[in-house]
Amino acid sequence: MAELWFIRHFRTPWNAQGRLQGRRDIALEDPLSPQGMAVLAANRQALAGRDFALVLTSPLERARRTAELHGFAAEPDPDLAEIAFGAWEGRTWAELEAAHPGAWENAPHTLPLGEPFSDFIARITRVRERVLAASGPVLAFGHGAWLGGLQLAVDGGKGMPRQALGNGELVRLDLTAVRQVQEG
């Protein structure tokens, strides 16, 4: 089984405001909220005693810091970086939806983003291939839209979920069977 344990970065001020962060290097809220601390404690318990063949992180600070808070010195992988929203970075999800109704959920490849959608999916595919080739489970720290893109790539859908996973949350995926194993 090619198992991916994925943790989305903890909340940033822009998450709280519903802003698109993309490649902007936005720091986490400091300190973590009580909810963030509870999620961290639950994740640490779920990860305790586990051995991972690879521990990867997006190179963006919010993901790297999330890995550190979990006690991992993760290998930065640029393919785990969030989608580049380009000129939309700093604007809100509501503004994107108003300008391009339904496009994120139904035709994200049509959006004027900071990188071609096909390049984003190619980055995700490279990470998936690393997971499939690993000698054991892989732990990765990343971003919400990235996880949505992974689900789109492996399920063969055409649109992106608006919210694939809450901030700090852990999900285990079996990438050979293309299904969710368990949420943690």
N, C-alpha and C. Protein backbone atom coordinates (compact mmCIF):
# COMPACT_ATOMS: atom_id res chain seq x y z
N MET A 1 0.85 -1.19 0.00
CA MET A 1 0.00 0.00 0.00
C MET A 1 0.89 1.23 0.00
N ALA A 2 0.60 2.18 -0.87
CA ALA A 2 1.29 3.47 -0.92
C ALA A 2 0.49 4.46 -0.08
N GLU A 3 0.93 4.58 1.16
CA GLU A 3 0.16 5.35 2.13
C GLU A 3 0.75 6.74 2.32
N LEU A 4 -0.09 7.75 2.16
CA LEU A 4 0.28 9.14 2.38
C LEU A 4 -0.46 9.65 3.59
N TRP A 5 0.31 10.10 4.59
CA TRP A 5 -0.24 10.80 5.74
C TRP A 5 -0.03 12.28 5.44
N PHE A 6 -1.11 13.03 5.34
CA PHE A 6 -1.02 14.43 4.93
C PHE A 6 -1.59 15.32 6.03
N ILE A 7 -0.81 16.35 6.39
CA ILE A 7 -1.26 17.33 7.37
C ILE A 7 -1.25 18.71 6.71
N ARG A 8 -2.41 19.34 6.72
CA ARG A 8 -2.50 20.71 6.20
C ARG A 8 -1.91 21.65 7.26
N HIS A 9 -1.29 22.70 6.79
CA HIS A 9 -0.68 23.67 7.70
C HIS A 9 -1.72 24.26 8.66
N PHE A 10 -1.23 24.72 9.81
CA PHE A 10 -2.11 25.38 10.78
C PHE A 10 -2.59 26.73 10.23
N ARG A 11 -3.52 27.30 10.91
CA ARG A 11 -4.19 28.52 10.48
C ARG A 11 -3.25 29.73 10.45
N THR A 12 -3.44 30.54 9.43
CA THR A 12 -2.74 31.82 9.30
C THR A 12 -3.78 32.93 9.43
N PRO A 13 -3.34 34.18 9.62
CA PRO A 13 -4.31 35.28 9.62
C PRO A 13 -5.11 35.35 8.32
N TRP A 14 -4.48 35.00 7.19
CA TRP A 14 -5.21 35.04 5.93
C TRP A 14 -6.25 33.95 5.85
N ASN A 15 -6.00 32.77 6.44
CA ASN A 15 -7.04 31.74 6.51
C ASN A 15 -8.25 32.30 7.25
N ALA A 16 -8.00 32.99 8.35
CA ALA A 16 -9.08 33.54 9.17
C ALA A 16 -9.92 34.54 8.38
N GLN A 17 -9.29 35.21 7.41
CA GLN A 17 -9.98 36.22 6.60
C GLN A 17 -10.52 35.67 5.29
N GLY A 18 -10.31 34.37 5.02
CA GLY A 18 -10.78 33.77 3.78
C GLY A 18 -9.99 34.22 2.57
N ARG A 19 -8.72 34.59 2.76
CA ARG A 19 -7.89 35.09 1.66
C ARG A 19 -7.11 33.95 1.00
N LEU A 20 -6.92 34.09 -0.30
CA LEU A 20 -6.11 33.15 -1.08
C LEU A 20 -4.65 33.44 -0.80
N GLN A 21 -3.92 32.43 -0.31
CA GLN A 21 -2.52 32.63 0.04
C GLN A 21 -1.58 32.20 -1.07
N GLY A 22 -1.87 31.07 -1.70
CA GLY A 22 -1.03 30.60 -2.77
C GLY A 22 0.43 30.53 -2.37
N ARG A 23 1.28 31.17 -3.14
CA ARG A 23 2.72 31.12 -2.91
C ARG A 23 3.21 32.21 -1.95
N ARG A 24 2.31 33.05 -1.46
CA ARG A 24 2.73 34.05 -0.48
C ARG A 24 3.16 33.32 0.79
N ASP A 25 4.24 33.75 1.37
CA ASP A 25 4.79 33.07 2.55
C ASP A 25 4.21 33.70 3.81
N ILE A 26 2.99 33.35 4.12
CA ILE A 26 2.26 33.90 5.26
C ILE A 26 2.55 33.03 6.48
N ALA A 27 2.92 33.69 7.59
CA ALA A 27 3.25 32.96 8.82
C ALA A 27 1.98 32.46 9.50
N LEU A 28 2.15 31.43 10.32
CA LEU A 28 1.04 30.90 11.13
C LEU A 28 0.63 31.90 12.18
N GLU A 29 -0.61 31.75 12.66
CA GLU A 29 -1.02 32.51 13.84
C GLU A 29 -0.11 32.11 14.99
N ASP A 30 0.30 33.08 15.78
CA ASP A 30 1.19 32.79 16.89
C ASP A 30 0.69 33.56 18.10
N PRO A 31 0.30 32.85 19.14
CA PRO A 31 0.36 31.40 19.29
C PRO A 31 -0.81 30.72 18.57
N LEU A 32 -0.70 29.37 18.49
CA LEU A 32 -1.81 28.61 17.94
C LEU A 32 -3.03 28.81 18.82
N SER A 33 -4.19 28.77 18.23
CA SER A 33 -5.44 28.87 18.99
C SER A 33 -5.62 27.61 19.85
N PRO A 34 -6.52 27.67 20.83
CA PRO A 34 -6.81 26.45 21.60
C PRO A 34 -7.23 25.28 20.70
N GLN A 35 -8.00 25.57 19.65
CA GLN A 35 -8.40 24.51 18.72
C GLN A 35 -7.17 23.96 17.99
N GLY A 36 -6.26 24.84 17.57
CA GLY A 36 -5.04 24.39 16.91
C GLY A 36 -4.19 23.54 17.83
N MET A 37 -4.11 23.92 19.09
CA MET A 37 -3.35 23.13 20.06
C MET A 37 -3.97 21.75 20.26
N ALA A 38 -5.30 21.68 20.26
CA ALA A 38 -5.98 20.39 20.42
C ALA A 38 -5.73 19.50 19.19
N VAL A 39 -5.76 20.10 18.00
CA VAL A 39 -5.49 19.33 16.78
C VAL A 39 -4.05 18.84 16.80
N LEU A 40 -3.11 19.69 17.22
CA LEU A 40 -1.71 19.30 17.31
C LEU A 40 -1.54 18.11 18.26
N ALA A 41 -2.19 18.17 19.41
CA ALA A 41 -2.09 17.07 20.38
C ALA A 41 -2.64 15.77 19.79
N ALA A 42 -3.78 15.85 19.11
CA ALA A 42 -4.37 14.65 18.50
C ALA A 42 -3.46 14.10 17.40
N ASN A 43 -2.88 14.99 16.59
CA ASN A 43 -1.98 14.54 15.53
C ASN A 43 -0.74 13.88 16.11
N ARG A 44 -0.17 14.49 17.14
CA ARG A 44 1.02 13.91 17.75
C ARG A 44 0.73 12.51 18.27
N GLN A 45 -0.44 12.32 18.84
CA GLN A 45 -0.82 11.00 19.34
C GLN A 45 -0.95 10.02 18.18
N ALA A 46 -1.58 10.45 17.08
CA ALA A 46 -1.75 9.57 15.92
C ALA A 46 -0.41 9.21 15.27
N LEU A 47 0.55 10.12 15.35
CA LEU A 47 1.86 9.90 14.72
C LEU A 47 2.86 9.19 15.62
N ALA A 48 2.56 9.12 16.91
CA ALA A 48 3.51 8.55 17.88
C ALA A 48 3.87 7.11 17.51
N GLY A 49 5.17 6.84 17.48
CA GLY A 49 5.66 5.49 17.21
C GLY A 49 5.61 5.07 15.76
N ARG A 50 5.18 5.93 14.87
CA ARG A 50 5.09 5.60 13.44
C ARG A 50 6.45 5.85 12.77
N ASP A 51 6.79 4.99 11.86
CA ASP A 51 7.98 5.17 11.04
C ASP A 51 7.55 5.55 9.64
N PHE A 52 8.20 6.57 9.10
CA PHE A 52 7.89 7.03 7.75
C PHE A 52 9.11 6.89 6.86
N ALA A 53 8.89 6.40 5.64
CA ALA A 53 9.98 6.27 4.68
C ALA A 53 10.47 7.64 4.24
N LEU A 54 9.56 8.58 4.13
CA LEU A 54 9.88 9.97 3.77
C LEU A 54 9.03 10.89 4.62
N VAL A 55 9.59 12.03 4.98
CA VAL A 55 8.84 13.11 5.62
C VAL A 55 9.12 14.35 4.79
N LEU A 56 8.08 14.85 4.13
CA LEU A 56 8.20 15.95 3.18
C LEU A 56 7.39 17.15 3.65
N THR A 57 7.78 18.32 3.17
CA THR A 57 7.00 19.53 3.44
C THR A 57 7.06 20.46 2.25
N SER A 58 6.02 21.23 2.11
CA SER A 58 6.07 22.36 1.18
C SER A 58 7.18 23.29 1.67
N PRO A 59 7.84 24.00 0.76
CA PRO A 59 8.88 24.93 1.19
C PRO A 59 8.33 26.21 1.84
N LEU A 60 7.03 26.42 1.77
CA LEU A 60 6.45 27.63 2.36
C LEU A 60 6.47 27.55 3.88
N GLU A 61 6.73 28.68 4.51
CA GLU A 61 6.95 28.71 5.96
C GLU A 61 5.79 28.12 6.75
N ARG A 62 4.56 28.38 6.34
CA ARG A 62 3.43 27.90 7.13
C ARG A 62 3.40 26.37 7.21
N ALA A 63 3.82 25.69 6.15
CA ALA A 63 3.90 24.22 6.18
C ALA A 63 5.14 23.75 6.92
N ARG A 64 6.29 24.41 6.68
CA ARG A 64 7.52 24.02 7.38
C ARG A 64 7.36 24.18 8.89
N ARG A 65 6.73 25.27 9.31
CA ARG A 65 6.52 25.52 10.74
C ARG A 65 5.55 24.48 11.32
N THR A 66 4.55 24.08 10.57
CA THR A 66 3.63 23.04 11.02
C THR A 66 4.38 21.73 11.24
N ALA A 67 5.30 21.39 10.33
CA ALA A 67 6.12 20.19 10.50
C ALA A 67 6.95 20.29 11.78
N GLU A 68 7.56 21.44 12.01
CA GLU A 68 8.38 21.65 13.21
C GLU A 68 7.54 21.49 14.48
N LEU A 69 6.33 22.05 14.48
CA LEU A 69 5.45 21.94 15.65
C LEU A 69 5.08 20.48 15.94
N HIS A 70 5.08 19.66 14.91
CA HIS A 70 4.81 18.23 15.06
C HIS A 70 6.07 17.44 15.42
N GLY A 71 7.22 18.13 15.46
CA GLY A 71 8.47 17.48 15.84
C GLY A 71 9.23 16.83 14.71
N PHE A 72 8.96 17.26 13.47
CA PHE A 72 9.62 16.66 12.31
C PHE A 72 10.52 17.66 11.60
N ALA A 73 11.70 17.20 11.23
CA ALA A 73 12.59 17.94 10.35
C ALA A 73 12.33 17.39 8.94
N ALA A 74 11.40 18.00 8.26
CA ALA A 74 10.93 17.48 6.98
C ALA A 74 11.77 18.01 5.82
N GLU A 75 11.84 17.20 4.76
CA GLU A 75 12.55 17.58 3.54
C GLU A 75 11.65 18.49 2.70
N PRO A 76 12.10 19.72 2.42
CA PRO A 76 11.29 20.59 1.55
C PRO A 76 11.22 20.01 0.13
N ASP A 77 10.03 19.99 -0.42
CA ASP A 77 9.80 19.54 -1.79
C ASP A 77 8.99 20.62 -2.49
N PRO A 78 9.57 21.31 -3.47
CA PRO A 78 8.85 22.39 -4.15
C PRO A 78 7.56 21.92 -4.83
N ASP A 79 7.45 20.63 -5.13
CA ASP A 79 6.22 20.12 -5.73
C ASP A 79 5.05 20.11 -4.76
N LEU A 80 5.33 20.26 -3.45
CA LEU A 80 4.27 20.33 -2.45
C LEU A 80 3.78 21.76 -2.21
N ALA A 81 4.39 22.74 -2.86
CA ALA A 81 3.97 24.13 -2.68
C ALA A 81 2.51 24.30 -3.12
N GLU A 82 1.85 25.24 -2.51
CA GLU A 82 0.46 25.53 -2.86
C GLU A 82 0.38 26.02 -4.30
N ILE A 83 -0.80 25.90 -4.88
CA ILE A 83 -1.02 26.43 -6.22
C ILE A 83 -0.72 27.92 -6.20
N ALA A 84 -0.14 28.43 -7.27
CA ALA A 84 0.12 29.86 -7.40
C ALA A 84 -1.17 30.52 -7.88
N PHE A 85 -1.79 31.32 -7.00
CA PHE A 85 -3.02 32.01 -7.38
C PHE A 85 -2.75 33.30 -8.14
N GLY A 86 -1.47 33.69 -8.27
CA GLY A 86 -1.12 34.87 -9.05
C GLY A 86 -1.75 36.13 -8.50
N ALA A 87 -2.39 36.90 -9.38
CA ALA A 87 -3.00 38.18 -8.99
C ALA A 87 -4.12 38.00 -7.97
N TRP A 88 -4.61 36.78 -7.80
CA TRP A 88 -5.68 36.53 -6.83
C TRP A 88 -5.15 36.40 -5.40
N GLU A 89 -3.84 36.24 -5.23
CA GLU A 89 -3.28 36.09 -3.89
C GLU A 89 -3.53 37.38 -3.09
N GLY A 90 -4.06 37.19 -1.89
CA GLY A 90 -4.44 38.32 -1.04
C GLY A 90 -5.90 38.70 -1.17
N ARG A 91 -6.54 38.26 -2.23
CA ARG A 91 -7.97 38.50 -2.40
C ARG A 91 -8.72 37.35 -1.77
N THR A 92 -10.03 37.47 -1.67
CA THR A 92 -10.81 36.46 -0.96
C THR A 92 -11.39 35.43 -1.93
N TRP A 93 -11.74 34.28 -1.32
CA TRP A 93 -12.44 33.25 -2.08
C TRP A 93 -13.73 33.81 -2.66
N ALA A 94 -14.42 34.66 -1.89
CA ALA A 94 -15.68 35.25 -2.36
C ALA A 94 -15.45 36.10 -3.61
N GLU A 95 -14.35 36.84 -3.66
CA GLU A 95 -14.04 37.65 -4.84
C GLU A 95 -13.76 36.76 -6.06
N LEU A 96 -13.03 35.68 -5.85
CA LEU A 96 -12.75 34.75 -6.95
C LEU A 96 -14.05 34.14 -7.47
N GLU A 97 -14.91 33.73 -6.56
CA GLU A 97 -16.19 33.13 -6.95
C GLU A 97 -17.07 34.14 -7.68
N ALA A 98 -17.09 35.39 -7.22
CA ALA A 98 -17.91 36.42 -7.87
C ALA A 98 -17.43 36.71 -9.30
N ALA A 99 -16.11 36.70 -9.48
CA ALA A 99 -15.55 36.98 -10.80
C ALA A 99 -15.65 35.78 -11.75
N HIS A 100 -15.61 34.58 -11.19
CA HIS A 100 -15.62 33.36 -12.00
C HIS A 100 -16.56 32.33 -11.33
N PRO A 101 -17.87 32.57 -11.40
CA PRO A 101 -18.82 31.69 -10.69
C PRO A 101 -18.66 30.22 -11.06
N GLY A 102 -18.47 29.40 -10.03
CA GLY A 102 -18.41 27.95 -10.21
C GLY A 102 -17.15 27.40 -10.83
N ALA A 103 -16.22 28.26 -11.24
CA ALA A 103 -15.04 27.77 -11.95
C ALA A 103 -14.14 26.91 -11.07
N TRP A 104 -13.93 27.28 -9.82
CA TRP A 104 -13.05 26.49 -8.95
C TRP A 104 -13.57 25.07 -8.81
N GLU A 105 -14.87 24.93 -8.60
CA GLU A 105 -15.46 23.61 -8.38
C GLU A 105 -15.67 22.83 -9.67
N ASN A 106 -15.77 23.51 -10.80
CA ASN A 106 -16.15 22.83 -12.04
C ASN A 106 -15.13 22.88 -13.18
N ALA A 107 -14.33 23.94 -13.24
CA ALA A 107 -13.38 24.08 -14.36
C ALA A 107 -12.19 24.93 -13.92
N PRO A 108 -11.42 24.47 -12.94
CA PRO A 108 -10.33 25.30 -12.43
C PRO A 108 -9.26 25.61 -13.48
N HIS A 109 -9.15 24.77 -14.49
CA HIS A 109 -8.17 25.01 -15.56
C HIS A 109 -8.47 26.28 -16.35
N THR A 110 -9.69 26.82 -16.22
CA THR A 110 -10.07 28.04 -16.95
C THR A 110 -9.73 29.32 -16.19
N LEU A 111 -9.33 29.20 -14.94
CA LEU A 111 -9.05 30.39 -14.12
C LEU A 111 -7.72 31.03 -14.47
N PRO A 112 -7.65 32.36 -14.42
CA PRO A 112 -6.38 33.06 -14.65
C PRO A 112 -5.54 33.06 -13.37
N LEU A 113 -4.77 32.00 -13.19
CA LEU A 113 -3.98 31.83 -11.97
C LEU A 113 -2.51 32.18 -12.25
N GLY A 114 -1.66 32.00 -11.25
CA GLY A 114 -0.25 32.30 -11.38
C GLY A 114 0.56 31.18 -11.99
N GLU A 115 -0.04 30.04 -12.25
CA GLU A 115 0.62 28.93 -12.95
C GLU A 115 -0.47 28.18 -13.70
N PRO A 116 -0.14 27.58 -14.83
CA PRO A 116 -1.14 26.78 -15.53
C PRO A 116 -1.62 25.63 -14.63
N PHE A 117 -2.90 25.37 -14.66
CA PHE A 117 -3.45 24.31 -13.82
C PHE A 117 -2.80 22.97 -14.14
N SER A 118 -2.46 22.75 -15.39
CA SER A 118 -1.80 21.50 -15.77
C SER A 118 -0.43 21.36 -15.10
N ASP A 119 0.28 22.47 -14.90
CA ASP A 119 1.57 22.43 -14.19
C ASP A 119 1.37 22.06 -12.72
N PHE A 120 0.31 22.60 -12.13
CA PHE A 120 -0.03 22.28 -10.73
C PHE A 120 -0.29 20.78 -10.60
N ILE A 121 -1.10 20.22 -11.49
CA ILE A 121 -1.40 18.79 -11.44
C ILE A 121 -0.13 17.97 -11.71
N ALA A 122 0.76 18.44 -12.57
CA ALA A 122 2.01 17.73 -12.83
C ALA A 122 2.87 17.68 -11.56
N ARG A 123 2.90 18.77 -10.78
CA ARG A 123 3.65 18.77 -9.52
C ARG A 123 3.07 17.74 -8.56
N ILE A 124 1.76 17.71 -8.47
CA ILE A 124 1.08 16.75 -7.59
C ILE A 124 1.39 15.32 -8.03
N THR A 125 1.37 15.09 -9.31
CA THR A 125 1.66 13.75 -9.84
C THR A 125 3.08 13.31 -9.48
N ARG A 126 4.04 14.23 -9.51
CA ARG A 126 5.41 13.88 -9.13
C ARG A 126 5.49 13.46 -7.67
N VAL A 127 4.76 14.16 -6.79
CA VAL A 127 4.75 13.76 -5.38
C VAL A 127 4.08 12.40 -5.23
N ARG A 128 2.98 12.20 -5.92
CA ARG A 128 2.29 10.90 -5.87
C ARG A 128 3.23 9.78 -6.30
N GLU A 129 4.02 10.01 -7.33
CA GLU A 129 4.98 9.00 -7.79
C GLU A 129 6.04 8.72 -6.72
N ARG A 130 6.46 9.74 -5.99
CA ARG A 130 7.42 9.53 -4.89
C ARG A 130 6.78 8.66 -3.81
N VAL A 131 5.52 8.90 -3.52
CA VAL A 131 4.82 8.11 -2.50
C VAL A 131 4.70 6.66 -2.98
N LEU A 132 4.33 6.47 -4.23
CA LEU A 132 4.19 5.11 -4.77
C LEU A 132 5.51 4.36 -4.77
N ALA A 133 6.63 5.06 -4.93
CA ALA A 133 7.95 4.42 -4.97
C ALA A 133 8.58 4.25 -3.59
N ALA A 134 8.01 4.87 -2.57
CA ALA A 134 8.60 4.82 -1.23
C ALA A 134 8.51 3.42 -0.64
N SER A 135 9.44 3.14 0.26
CA SER A 135 9.50 1.81 0.90
C SER A 135 8.56 1.69 2.10
N GLY A 136 7.79 2.69 2.36
CA GLY A 136 6.85 2.68 3.48
C GLY A 136 5.98 3.92 3.43
N PRO A 137 5.21 4.16 4.49
CA PRO A 137 4.34 5.33 4.52
C PRO A 137 5.13 6.63 4.38
N VAL A 138 4.48 7.64 3.81
CA VAL A 138 5.07 8.96 3.63
C VAL A 138 4.22 9.96 4.40
N LEU A 139 4.88 10.85 5.12
CA LEU A 139 4.22 11.94 5.83
C LEU A 139 4.54 13.23 5.09
N ALA A 140 3.51 14.01 4.78
CA ALA A 140 3.72 15.28 4.07
C ALA A 140 2.93 16.39 4.75
N PHE A 141 3.55 17.56 4.81
CA PHE A 141 2.93 18.77 5.35
C PHE A 141 2.72 19.73 4.19
N GLY A 142 1.46 20.16 4.01
CA GLY A 142 1.18 20.98 2.84
C GLY A 142 -0.03 21.87 2.99
N HIS A 143 -0.78 21.97 1.91
CA HIS A 143 -1.80 23.00 1.75
C HIS A 143 -3.14 22.42 1.30
N GLY A 144 -4.19 23.17 1.57
CA GLY A 144 -5.54 22.71 1.27
C GLY A 144 -5.83 22.51 -0.21
N ALA A 145 -5.52 23.51 -1.04
CA ALA A 145 -5.79 23.35 -2.47
C ALA A 145 -4.92 22.25 -3.07
N TRP A 146 -3.69 22.08 -2.54
CA TRP A 146 -2.82 21.01 -3.03
C TRP A 146 -3.49 19.65 -2.79
N LEU A 147 -4.03 19.45 -1.59
CA LEU A 147 -4.72 18.19 -1.30
C LEU A 147 -5.94 18.02 -2.21
N GLY A 148 -6.68 19.10 -2.42
CA GLY A 148 -7.80 19.04 -3.35
C GLY A 148 -7.36 18.64 -4.75
N GLY A 149 -6.21 19.17 -5.17
CA GLY A 149 -5.66 18.80 -6.47
C GLY A 149 -5.26 17.35 -6.54
N LEU A 150 -4.71 16.81 -5.43
CA LEU A 150 -4.37 15.39 -5.38
C LEU A 150 -5.64 14.55 -5.53
N GLN A 151 -6.67 14.92 -4.81
CA GLN A 151 -7.93 14.17 -4.92
C GLN A 151 -8.48 14.24 -6.33
N LEU A 152 -8.39 15.41 -6.96
CA LEU A 152 -8.83 15.56 -8.35
C LEU A 152 -8.00 14.68 -9.28
N ALA A 153 -6.68 14.69 -9.09
CA ALA A 153 -5.79 13.92 -9.97
C ALA A 153 -6.02 12.42 -9.85
N VAL A 154 -6.19 11.92 -8.64
CA VAL A 154 -6.33 10.47 -8.49
C VAL A 154 -7.75 9.99 -8.74
N ASP A 155 -8.74 10.83 -8.52
CA ASP A 155 -10.12 10.43 -8.75
C ASP A 155 -10.60 10.70 -10.17
N GLY A 156 -9.82 11.50 -10.91
CA GLY A 156 -10.18 11.78 -12.29
C GLY A 156 -11.35 12.72 -12.46
N GLY A 157 -11.64 13.53 -11.44
CA GLY A 157 -12.73 14.49 -11.55
C GLY A 157 -12.34 15.68 -12.39
N LYS A 158 -13.22 16.68 -12.44
CA LYS A 158 -12.92 17.86 -13.24
C LYS A 158 -12.84 19.13 -12.42
N GLY A 159 -13.28 19.11 -11.18
CA GLY A 159 -13.29 20.33 -10.37
C GLY A 159 -12.59 20.14 -9.05
N MET A 160 -12.40 21.25 -8.36
CA MET A 160 -11.69 21.27 -7.09
C MET A 160 -12.68 21.46 -5.94
N PRO A 161 -12.48 20.72 -4.84
CA PRO A 161 -13.31 20.99 -3.66
C PRO A 161 -12.91 22.34 -3.06
N ARG A 162 -13.85 23.05 -2.53
CA ARG A 162 -13.54 24.35 -1.92
C ARG A 162 -12.68 24.18 -0.68
N GLN A 163 -12.97 23.16 0.12
CA GLN A 163 -12.22 22.93 1.36
C GLN A 163 -12.00 21.44 1.50
N ALA A 164 -10.77 21.02 1.27
CA ALA A 164 -10.46 19.60 1.33
C ALA A 164 -10.19 19.13 2.75
N LEU A 165 -9.65 20.01 3.59
CA LEU A 165 -9.21 19.61 4.93
C LEU A 165 -9.03 20.86 5.76
N GLY A 166 -9.43 20.80 7.03
CA GLY A 166 -9.27 21.94 7.92
C GLY A 166 -7.81 22.19 8.28
N ASN A 167 -7.53 23.39 8.75
CA ASN A 167 -6.17 23.74 9.14
C ASN A 167 -5.66 22.81 10.23
N GLY A 168 -4.46 22.26 10.01
CA GLY A 168 -3.81 21.38 10.97
C GLY A 168 -4.30 19.95 10.94
N GLU A 169 -5.34 19.67 10.20
CA GLU A 169 -5.92 18.32 10.23
C GLU A 169 -5.08 17.32 9.46
N LEU A 170 -5.19 16.07 9.89
CA LEU A 170 -4.45 14.94 9.34
C LEU A 170 -5.41 14.02 8.60
N VAL A 171 -4.97 13.56 7.43
CA VAL A 171 -5.73 12.56 6.69
C VAL A 171 -4.74 11.51 6.19
N ARG A 172 -5.17 10.26 6.17
CA ARG A 172 -4.37 9.17 5.61
C ARG A 172 -5.02 8.72 4.32
N LEU A 173 -4.20 8.63 3.27
CA LEU A 173 -4.70 8.23 1.97
C LEU A 173 -3.93 7.02 1.46
N ASP A 174 -4.64 6.08 0.88
CA ASP A 174 -4.02 4.95 0.19
C ASP A 174 -4.00 5.31 -1.28
N LEU A 175 -2.82 5.67 -1.78
CA LEU A 175 -2.74 6.13 -3.16
C LEU A 175 -2.73 5.00 -4.18
N THR A 176 -2.61 3.76 -3.72
CA THR A 176 -2.74 2.64 -4.67
C THR A 176 -4.21 2.36 -4.94
N ALA A 177 -5.02 2.46 -3.90
CA ALA A 177 -6.45 2.19 -4.04
C ALA A 177 -7.22 3.46 -4.36
N VAL A 178 -6.55 4.63 -4.28
CA VAL A 178 -7.16 5.91 -4.53
C VAL A 178 -8.39 6.11 -3.66
N ARG A 179 -8.18 5.95 -2.38
CA ARG A 179 -9.29 6.17 -1.45
C ARG A 179 -8.74 6.65 -0.12
N GLN A 180 -9.62 7.30 0.61
CA GLN A 180 -9.24 7.76 1.93
C GLN A 180 -9.25 6.59 2.89
N VAL A 181 -8.19 6.46 3.69
CA VAL A 181 -8.11 5.37 4.66
C VAL A 181 -8.80 5.79 5.94
N GLN A 182 -8.40 6.90 6.47
CA GLN A 182 -8.94 7.33 7.77
C GLN A 182 -8.57 8.78 7.99
N GLU A 183 -9.48 9.54 8.58
CA GLU A 183 -9.14 10.89 9.00
C GLU A 183 -8.72 10.82 10.44
N GLY A 184 -7.71 11.59 10.79
CA GLY A 184 -7.22 11.59 12.15
C GLY A 184 -7.50 12.85 12.87
